[in-house]
Every structure is written in structure tokens, then in C-alpha cells.
Amino acid sequence: MEGAAERGVLAVLVVLAVLAACGSSSEIIEGPKNVTALKGSEARFNCTISQGWKLVMWALRGTVVLSMTPNETIITSDRFTSASYQEGGNFISEMIIHDVQLSDAGQVKCSLQNSNRDGAAFLSVQVMGQLLIPGGSLVVIEDKPCNVTCRALNWTLLPDLSWEIGVPVSHSSYYSIPEPEDLQSAVSVLALTPQGNGTVTCVAEMKGLDVRESVTVNLTVVQPPLDSIDKPGTSLPTWAIVLLAVSLSLLLILIIVLIIIFCCCVSRTEKEESSYQSQIRKSATVKTSKDTAGTKLKSANENYGYHSDESRTTQPASLHAKSSEAGVPEQCSSRQPHQESDHRQLGPANHPQVSFYVASPKKVRNVTLV
């Protein structure tokens, strides 16, 4: 292999010497452009040259790796090949680098023999590292904020990280930052509030390349446990908070209405009881008045000046003696007790009654002392 390379270099030197003797009047119209390639991929560089060229040389990082003449192509390594095209009367030389390595990164130059003008470009080589979501598939609680982390490890140039969300969410956002202790790694954090099952995808896009790498995980949403509602720090969804506030407001209004109704009923009952008690007192007063009046009337009809017949047995006897002495018949004296009985009932109850017996056997006068 080393012998072939040496022979290639000698051949290039011989060709250069020949062309130097012959001279060249062509020039480079457009040089190569910067290329960014992944490690292990291909990198292509084009150089547009006017007619009349004799030798085109391609150099990588200051070393000639490919030479072309109108008749042949001198190759120093199988990793470097060439292609040629005609366009608008001009010649286009293309160098292809196969299986690009990190050591290939650097300046690429296209030049012509006996020309002061050359075309230069830069080859950037990127290494696609690992892209992963730690933990794989995730199980999260419905309507509870959670974070999903994506890590890009061992990338030569840090990629642009983004997310594709395949689950229904009420809120989502993400941010990406380089790892503080590893300049070839980055981390992206997705914050979301899931409301259903689905997938989330972390996407890494290479800068300057139409290449992307992605990793997808399943997101399974479960209902919150019943005891988590009572735990401090547990947040309720917005609809639950609104429903709870409305329910408490209606309950408070209902309690106030019930209190007002209760107070009105109590006040009405107290008024009715007061009116009933007033009627009872009035009835009792009237009854007491009637009883007092009846007692007085009964007392007024009683005659406390009445004496039994025994206390007056001596009086009729004396009267009878007097009547017999005066020659008055007994019939008159026999009617006297009846007369006394009639007169004794006329006196008031609470006043003493004094009886006066006059000389006439037919008249008895009763006098009540007031």
C-alpha cells in the first residue's frame, strides 16, 4: 500500500514537471464550497475550470490526494475518487471523499498548474452520537404536570433538539441546554400536562445537514389515586376547582336561606305563643274576677246575726208569760217564731243584726248595724 502511494506521488511529480514545461492558459472560474459531512458518509467538492487546462490537483489539509489530466486520473487512495462534467463550455472537476473520518476535517483546495488562483473550501465532519430518553416508556397521572428528558450524547457538534407531541395536552413547553460537564452532549426537557395516551418524540437535527435522528417513547396516562386529593401539594384541574367553588357558593346561599326561614318560623311561633298566653291570662283574670264577685255575693247573702232556737227559748217563754198576763190569746204568740225567721233572712252577711222586742206582742223589729 505504501509502495503504491509512493508511486502515485512520483507520477504526480512527473506530470507536474511536464506541465510546467508546457505551460497552461486556463483558470478556475468557481472553486469548491464548504461541506459538512457525517462521519462515515461521503463528501463531494466541485471545481469549475475554463477550457485549455492541463492539470487539476486536489489537496486535503495541504496534501495532494487527487490529480487529473485530460487523459487520466492519478489516485493516491481508494477513499478519494473523481468525476468530471462539461457545462456551458467549461470543465467541472469533482472530488469525492468516501468514508469521511474526523481526521479529514480541514481545508480542501482545488488548483491548476501554473496558475496563481486556486479555490478553497472547508470540510466539517460531524459525529452523530446517541439520542435517548432515560426510562423508556412513561406512566404519568392525568392532568398532572410532568417532565420528559431527552439526552444527546457524544455529538461532535451539538444538534438542534426539538419535540413532536402525539398526546392530548393542556400545556406544553421545552428548553434545551448543553451539558455543563460535557461539551459534546446536550439535554432537552419537555414539560407537559397530559390528558390522554400517546407518544412523544425527541428529534435531533444536524446543523448544515439534512439529517435527523429521533427517539420515541409511549406515554400512558392513568387516573389520579383517590387518596392523592387529600395530600398537600396536590393540584386539582381547573374545571374541578371551578365546580367546587360554584358548589360551595350554592351551599352557602342555601344555608343563609334556611337560616332566614328558621328565624321567621321562630319569630312567628313566639308571637303565637305570646298571643296564646295573653288570652290565657285574660281568661284567668276574667275567671278570677267572676269568682271574686261570686264570693262577695255569697258572703252578702249570709246572715251572721242568726242565732239558733236554743238561744232564744227563754225569750218566747217570757213573752208567753207576759201575754198570758196581759190576756192575749196564744195564737198570736205562736206566730212569732215564723215572723222572726222571715226577718232574720233580710240582714246582710257581714254585719251584726240586733233584734228589738217591743211591748206589743204582734211586732218584732230587726235592725242591722252598719
Protein backbone atom coordinates (compact mmCIF):
# COMPACT_ATOMS: atom_id res chain seq x y z
CA MET A 1 0.00 0.00 0.00
CA GLU A 2 2.80 2.35 0.92
CA GLY A 3 4.62 1.43 -2.33
CA ALA A 4 1.56 2.34 -4.40
CA ALA A 5 1.28 5.67 -2.63
CA GLU A 6 4.91 6.42 -3.33
CA ARG A 7 4.47 5.53 -6.99
CA GLY A 8 1.40 7.80 -7.13
CA VAL A 9 3.30 10.70 -5.68
CA LEU A 10 6.15 10.17 -8.14
CA ALA A 11 3.67 10.09 -11.00
CA VAL A 12 2.15 13.36 -9.88
CA LEU A 13 5.58 14.94 -9.69
CA VAL A 14 6.42 13.77 -13.19
CA VAL A 15 3.16 15.15 -14.56
CA LEU A 16 3.74 18.46 -12.84
CA ALA A 17 7.17 18.70 -14.29
CA VAL A 18 5.86 18.04 -17.78
CA LEU A 19 3.03 20.56 -17.44
CA ALA A 20 5.34 23.13 -16.05
CA ALA A 21 7.39 22.85 -19.17
CA CYS A 22 4.38 23.11 -21.45
CA GLY A 23 2.51 25.87 -19.58
CA SER A 24 -1.25 26.46 -19.25
CA SER A 25 -3.61 29.29 -20.10
CA SER A 26 -6.81 28.07 -18.23
CA GLU A 27 -8.14 29.38 -14.93
CA ILE A 28 -10.52 28.46 -12.12
CA ILE A 29 -13.91 30.04 -12.66
CA GLU A 30 -15.58 28.80 -9.45
CA GLY A 31 -13.94 27.00 -6.57
CA PRO A 32 -15.42 24.41 -4.18
CA LYS A 33 -17.87 25.24 -1.39
CA ASN A 34 -17.85 24.35 2.30
CA VAL A 35 -19.23 20.93 3.09
CA THR A 36 -20.42 19.39 6.34
CA ALA A 37 -20.49 15.63 6.35
CA LEU A 38 -21.27 12.91 8.85
CA LYS A 39 -18.60 10.53 9.91
CA GLY A 40 -18.69 7.50 7.58
CA SER A 41 -20.59 9.31 4.81
CA GLU A 42 -19.42 10.92 1.54
CA ALA A 43 -18.25 14.47 0.91
CA ARG A 44 -18.26 15.99 -2.60
CA PHE A 45 -16.40 19.09 -3.83
CA ASN A 46 -16.76 20.71 -7.31
CA CYS A 47 -14.33 23.00 -9.12
CA THR A 48 -15.28 24.78 -12.40
CA ILE A 49 -12.37 25.36 -14.80
CA SER A 50 -12.15 27.09 -18.17
CA GLN A 51 -11.03 25.26 -21.30
CA GLY A 52 -7.35 24.65 -22.03
CA TRP A 53 -6.37 23.19 -18.63
CA LYS A 54 -3.59 20.63 -18.42
CA LEU A 55 -3.54 19.51 -14.77
CA VAL A 56 -6.02 19.78 -11.89
CA MET A 57 -4.88 18.99 -8.35
CA TRP A 58 -6.96 18.40 -5.21
CA ALA A 59 -5.34 18.81 -1.80
CA LEU A 60 -6.77 17.94 1.64
CA ARG A 61 -5.22 19.66 4.63
CA GLY A 62 -2.24 20.66 2.50
CA THR A 63 -1.59 17.24 0.94
CA VAL A 64 -2.36 16.43 -2.71
CA VAL A 65 -4.72 13.46 -2.68
CA LEU A 66 -6.03 13.51 -6.27
CA SER A 67 -4.71 14.71 -9.66
CA MET A 68 -6.39 14.81 -13.09
CA THR A 69 -5.16 15.30 -16.62
CA PRO A 70 -7.25 15.35 -19.79
CA ASN A 71 -6.18 11.76 -20.37
CA GLU A 72 -6.08 10.13 -16.94
CA THR A 73 -6.74 10.43 -13.22
CA ILE A 74 -3.96 9.82 -10.70
CA ILE A 75 -5.41 8.37 -7.44
CA THR A 76 -3.36 8.12 -4.26
CA SER A 77 -6.03 6.43 -2.09
CA ASP A 78 -9.21 4.45 -2.66
CA ARG A 79 -11.03 6.89 -0.37
CA PHE A 80 -10.60 9.68 -2.92
CA THR A 81 -12.20 9.40 -6.37
CA SER A 82 -13.07 11.87 -9.09
CA ALA A 83 -15.78 12.65 -11.64
CA SER A 84 -15.90 15.19 -14.46
CA TYR A 85 -18.62 17.08 -16.36
CA GLN A 86 -18.95 19.59 -19.15
CA GLU A 87 -21.24 22.58 -18.61
CA GLY A 88 -21.52 25.65 -20.82
CA GLY A 89 -18.13 25.04 -22.44
CA ASN A 90 -16.43 24.75 -19.05
CA PHE A 91 -14.96 21.72 -17.33
CA ILE A 92 -16.17 20.67 -13.89
CA SER A 93 -13.91 18.50 -11.76
CA GLU A 94 -15.46 16.73 -8.75
CA MET A 95 -13.58 15.09 -5.91
CA ILE A 96 -15.45 12.53 -3.77
CA ILE A 97 -14.22 11.60 -0.31
CA HIS A 98 -15.56 8.22 0.82
CA ASP A 99 -15.97 7.10 4.43
CA VAL A 100 -15.26 10.51 5.85
CA GLN A 101 -13.34 10.45 9.14
CA LEU A 102 -12.81 13.05 11.81
CA SER A 103 -9.20 13.37 10.67
CA ASP A 104 -10.42 14.57 7.25
CA ALA A 105 -11.85 17.78 8.68
CA GLY A 106 -9.92 20.76 7.34
CA GLN A 107 -9.20 22.77 4.21
CA VAL A 108 -9.87 21.37 0.73
CA LYS A 109 -8.11 23.13 -2.18
CA CYS A 110 -8.54 22.93 -5.95
CA SER A 111 -5.63 24.31 -8.00
CA LEU A 112 -4.23 24.43 -11.58
CA GLN A 113 -0.70 24.06 -12.72
CA ASN A 114 0.99 27.40 -13.48
CA SER A 115 -1.96 29.42 -12.07
CA ASN A 116 -1.83 31.79 -9.17
CA ARG A 117 -5.54 31.39 -8.49
CA ASP A 118 -6.97 28.43 -6.58
CA GLY A 119 -10.29 27.54 -4.96
CA ALA A 120 -10.52 26.57 -1.31
CA ALA A 121 -13.29 25.28 0.96
CA PHE A 122 -13.60 23.72 4.39
CA LEU A 123 -14.71 20.21 5.30
CA SER A 124 -16.56 19.82 8.60
CA VAL A 125 -17.11 16.36 9.95
CA GLN A 126 -19.85 15.66 12.42
CA VAL A 127 -20.31 12.59 14.54
CA MET A 128 -23.88 11.53 15.22
CA GLY A 129 -23.86 10.41 18.81
CA GLN A 130 -26.55 8.75 20.87
CA LEU A 131 -30.06 10.10 21.36
CA LEU A 132 -32.06 8.60 24.19
CA ILE A 133 -34.92 9.19 26.64
CA PRO A 134 -34.00 7.70 30.02
CA GLY A 135 -36.55 5.26 31.40
CA GLY A 136 -38.18 4.43 28.07
CA SER A 137 -41.99 4.29 28.19
CA LEU A 138 -43.54 6.52 30.84
CA VAL A 139 -46.62 6.25 33.06
CA VAL A 140 -47.96 9.60 34.20
CA ILE A 141 -51.05 10.94 36.02
CA GLU A 142 -53.80 12.66 34.05
CA ASP A 143 -53.87 16.47 34.25
CA LYS A 144 -50.73 16.48 36.40
CA PRO A 145 -47.66 18.35 35.06
CA CYS A 146 -44.69 16.12 34.27
CA ASN A 147 -41.29 16.34 32.59
CA VAL A 148 -39.76 14.17 29.85
CA THR A 149 -35.97 14.36 29.40
CA CYS A 150 -34.02 13.68 26.19
CA ARG A 151 -30.22 13.41 26.09
CA ALA A 152 -27.89 13.78 23.08
CA LEU A 153 -24.53 12.16 23.98
CA ASN A 154 -21.13 12.31 22.21
CA TRP A 155 -22.05 14.60 19.30
CA THR A 156 -19.12 16.45 17.72
CA LEU A 157 -21.27 19.46 17.01
CA LEU A 158 -24.33 19.76 19.23
CA PRO A 159 -27.58 19.20 17.30
CA ASP A 160 -30.78 21.19 17.48
CA LEU A 161 -33.20 19.33 19.77
CA SER A 162 -36.97 19.58 19.40
CA TRP A 163 -40.09 17.58 20.31
CA GLU A 164 -43.04 16.08 18.47
CA ILE A 165 -46.03 15.58 20.81
CA GLY A 166 -48.53 12.86 19.95
CA VAL A 167 -50.70 13.08 23.07
CA PRO A 168 -53.54 15.46 24.00
CA VAL A 169 -52.19 18.05 26.43
CA SER A 170 -53.46 21.21 28.11
CA HIS A 171 -49.99 22.77 28.20
CA SER A 172 -46.52 22.00 26.81
CA SER A 173 -43.13 23.69 26.56
CA TYR A 174 -39.47 22.66 26.29
CA TYR A 175 -35.94 24.00 26.56
CA SER A 176 -32.50 22.65 25.51
CA ILE A 177 -29.11 23.34 27.12
CA PRO A 178 -25.58 21.88 26.77
CA GLU A 179 -24.37 19.58 29.49
CA PRO A 180 -22.19 21.64 31.85
CA GLU A 181 -19.53 18.93 32.19
CA ASP A 182 -19.61 17.54 28.64
CA LEU A 183 -19.32 19.91 25.68
CA GLN A 184 -20.31 17.15 23.24
CA SER A 185 -23.63 16.43 24.95
CA ALA A 186 -26.90 18.30 25.40
CA VAL A 187 -30.16 17.79 27.24
CA SER A 188 -33.73 18.83 26.37
CA VAL A 189 -36.59 18.87 28.89
CA LEU A 190 -40.23 18.72 27.79
CA ALA A 191 -42.81 19.96 30.31
CA LEU A 192 -46.40 18.98 29.59
CA THR A 193 -49.76 18.32 31.25
CA PRO A 194 -51.13 15.15 29.57
CA GLN A 195 -54.82 14.35 29.18
CA GLY A 196 -54.61 11.06 27.27
CA ASN A 197 -52.38 8.28 26.00
CA GLY A 198 -49.98 8.70 23.08
CA THR A 199 -46.32 9.13 22.15
CA VAL A 200 -43.66 11.81 22.45
CA THR A 201 -40.68 12.02 20.08
CA CYS A 202 -37.33 13.73 20.65
CA VAL A 203 -35.75 14.93 17.39
CA ALA A 204 -32.08 15.89 16.81
CA GLU A 205 -31.27 17.81 13.61
CA MET A 206 -27.68 18.31 12.42
CA LYS A 207 -26.65 21.85 11.65
CA GLY A 208 -25.92 22.23 7.93
CA LEU A 209 -27.16 18.73 7.11
CA ASP A 210 -30.48 17.35 6.02
CA VAL A 211 -30.08 14.60 8.57
CA ARG A 212 -32.12 13.93 11.66
CA GLU A 213 -32.17 11.41 14.43
CA SER A 214 -35.18 10.70 16.63
CA VAL A 215 -36.29 8.58 19.55
CA THR A 216 -39.93 7.87 20.53
CA VAL A 217 -41.46 6.66 23.77
CA ASN A 218 -45.01 5.76 24.76
CA LEU A 219 -46.83 7.90 27.29
CA THR A 220 -49.52 6.13 29.32
CA VAL A 221 -51.94 8.30 31.30
CA VAL A 222 -53.64 6.95 34.44
CA GLN A 223 -56.29 8.39 36.74
CA PRO A 224 -55.03 10.03 39.95
CA PRO A 225 -55.40 7.88 43.10
CA LEU A 226 -58.25 8.79 45.42
CA ASP A 227 -56.02 9.47 48.42
CA SER A 228 -53.87 11.91 46.44
CA ILE A 229 -56.61 14.54 46.64
CA ASP A 230 -56.11 14.89 50.40
CA LYS A 231 -52.32 15.09 50.20
CA PRO A 232 -50.76 18.58 50.48
CA GLY A 233 -49.32 19.95 47.30
CA THR A 234 -51.74 18.03 45.08
CA SER A 235 -53.23 20.31 42.48
CA LEU A 236 -56.72 19.93 41.07
CA PRO A 237 -57.63 20.58 37.46
CA THR A 238 -59.17 23.91 36.61
CA TRP A 239 -62.64 22.50 35.90
CA ALA A 240 -62.67 20.75 39.29
CA ILE A 241 -61.69 23.96 41.09
CA VAL A 242 -64.45 25.93 39.31
CA LEU A 243 -67.04 23.25 40.06
CA LEU A 244 -66.01 23.14 43.70
CA ALA A 245 -66.22 26.93 44.02
CA VAL A 246 -69.71 27.03 42.46
CA SER A 247 -70.92 24.19 44.71
CA LEU A 248 -69.63 25.92 47.84
CA SER A 249 -71.28 29.18 46.79
CA LEU A 250 -74.65 27.48 46.23
CA LEU A 251 -74.32 25.65 49.56
CA LEU A 252 -73.60 28.91 51.37
CA ILE A 253 -76.65 30.58 49.77
CA LEU A 254 -78.83 27.61 50.74
CA ILE A 255 -77.61 27.77 54.35
CA ILE A 256 -78.38 31.51 54.52
CA VAL A 257 -81.90 30.94 53.12
CA LEU A 258 -82.53 28.15 55.65
CA ILE A 259 -81.33 30.37 58.50
CA ILE A 260 -83.68 33.16 57.39
CA ILE A 261 -86.64 30.73 57.14
CA PHE A 262 -85.81 29.29 60.57
CA CYS A 263 -85.67 32.76 62.15
CA CYS A 264 -89.03 33.70 60.60
CA CYS A 265 -90.63 30.49 61.89
CA VAL A 266 -89.22 31.01 65.39
CA SER A 267 -90.42 34.62 65.45
CA ARG A 268 -93.91 33.59 64.28
CA THR A 269 -94.08 30.82 66.88
CA GLU A 270 -93.06 33.21 69.64
CA LYS A 271 -95.77 35.66 68.58
CA GLU A 272 -98.39 32.92 68.54
CA GLU A 273 -97.30 31.67 71.97
CA SER A 274 -97.32 35.22 73.33
CA SER A 275 -100.85 35.80 71.97
CA TYR A 276 -101.98 32.45 73.38
CA GLN A 277 -100.52 33.23 76.80
CA SER A 278 -102.17 36.67 76.73
CA GLN A 279 -105.53 35.06 76.03
CA ILE A 280 -104.96 32.58 78.87
CA ARG A 281 -104.08 35.41 81.25
CA LYS A 282 -107.15 37.35 80.18
CA SER A 283 -109.33 34.30 80.66
CA ALA A 284 -107.76 33.67 84.06
CA THR A 285 -108.29 37.33 85.04
CA VAL A 286 -111.92 37.24 83.96
CA LYS A 287 -112.49 33.98 85.79
CA THR A 288 -110.82 35.34 88.92
CA SER A 289 -112.98 38.45 88.74
CA LYS A 290 -116.10 36.33 88.38
CA ASP A 291 -115.07 34.12 91.30
CA THR A 292 -114.38 37.14 93.49
CA ALA A 293 -117.73 38.69 92.60
CA GLY A 294 -119.48 35.40 93.29
CA THR A 295 -117.73 35.08 96.64
CA LYS A 296 -118.75 38.59 97.63
CA LEU A 297 -122.33 37.94 96.57
CA LYS A 298 -122.41 34.74 98.54
CA SER A 299 -120.94 36.47 101.57
CA ALA A 300 -123.51 39.24 101.31
CA ASN A 301 -126.39 36.75 101.45
CA GLU A 302 -125.18 35.11 104.62
CA ASN A 303 -126.71 36.34 107.95
CA TYR A 304 -124.16 36.07 110.70
CA GLY A 305 -126.62 37.60 113.22
CA TYR A 306 -128.76 34.47 113.16
CA HIS A 307 -128.99 32.58 116.45
CA SER A 308 -130.29 29.13 116.95
CA ASP A 309 -133.61 28.43 118.60
CA GLU A 310 -131.95 27.27 121.78
CA SER A 311 -130.54 30.69 122.47
CA ARG A 312 -133.95 32.16 122.23
CA THR A 313 -136.00 29.55 124.10
CA THR A 314 -136.16 31.68 127.11
CA GLN A 315 -137.49 34.66 125.20
CA PRO A 316 -140.72 33.07 123.94
CA ALA A 317 -141.37 31.72 127.36
CA SER A 318 -141.14 35.13 128.94
CA LEU A 319 -143.20 36.55 126.15
CA HIS A 320 -145.76 33.89 126.62
CA ALA A 321 -145.90 34.67 130.31
CA LYS A 322 -146.35 38.30 129.58
CA SER A 323 -149.01 37.58 127.01
CA SER A 324 -150.93 35.46 129.41
CA GLU A 325 -150.73 38.13 131.98
CA ALA A 326 -151.99 40.68 129.54
CA GLY A 327 -154.78 38.41 128.37
CA VAL A 328 -153.55 37.99 124.78
CA PRO A 329 -154.51 34.73 123.03
CA GLU A 330 -151.81 32.11 122.34
CA GLN A 331 -152.30 32.15 118.60
CA CYS A 332 -150.52 35.43 118.34
CA SER A 333 -147.52 34.23 120.26
CA SER A 334 -147.41 31.07 118.22
CA ARG A 335 -146.94 33.05 115.01
CA GLN A 336 -143.97 34.99 116.36
CA PRO A 337 -141.22 32.48 115.63
CA HIS A 338 -142.22 32.29 111.98
CA GLN A 339 -142.12 36.02 111.78
CA GLU A 340 -138.67 36.12 113.29
CA SER A 341 -137.38 33.60 110.81
CA ASP A 342 -138.62 35.71 107.94
CA HIS A 343 -136.99 38.83 109.28
CA ARG A 344 -133.65 37.20 110.03
CA GLN A 345 -133.01 36.38 106.36
CA LEU A 346 -133.09 40.01 105.26
CA GLY A 347 -129.94 41.20 107.01
CA PRO A 348 -126.56 41.49 105.23
CA ALA A 349 -124.00 38.76 105.72
CA ASN A 350 -121.10 40.69 107.20
CA HIS A 351 -122.98 43.00 109.56
CA PRO A 352 -124.34 42.16 113.02
CA GLN A 353 -128.01 42.17 113.50
CA VAL A 354 -129.74 43.37 116.64
CA SER A 355 -133.34 42.46 117.41
CA PHE A 356 -135.55 44.73 119.42
CA TYR A 357 -138.58 43.28 121.07
CA VAL A 358 -141.23 45.88 121.77
CA ALA A 359 -144.02 45.65 124.23
CA SER A 360 -146.53 44.82 121.60
CA PRO A 361 -146.89 41.09 121.25
CA LYS A 362 -147.50 41.38 117.49
CA LYS A 363 -144.46 43.41 116.34
CA VAL A 364 -140.78 42.50 116.35
CA ARG A 365 -138.33 44.99 114.77
CA ASN A 366 -134.97 43.89 113.44
CA VAL A 367 -132.22 46.49 112.99
CA THR A 368 -128.91 45.81 111.22
CA LEU A 369 -125.89 47.83 112.37
CA VAL A 370 -123.63 49.05 109.65
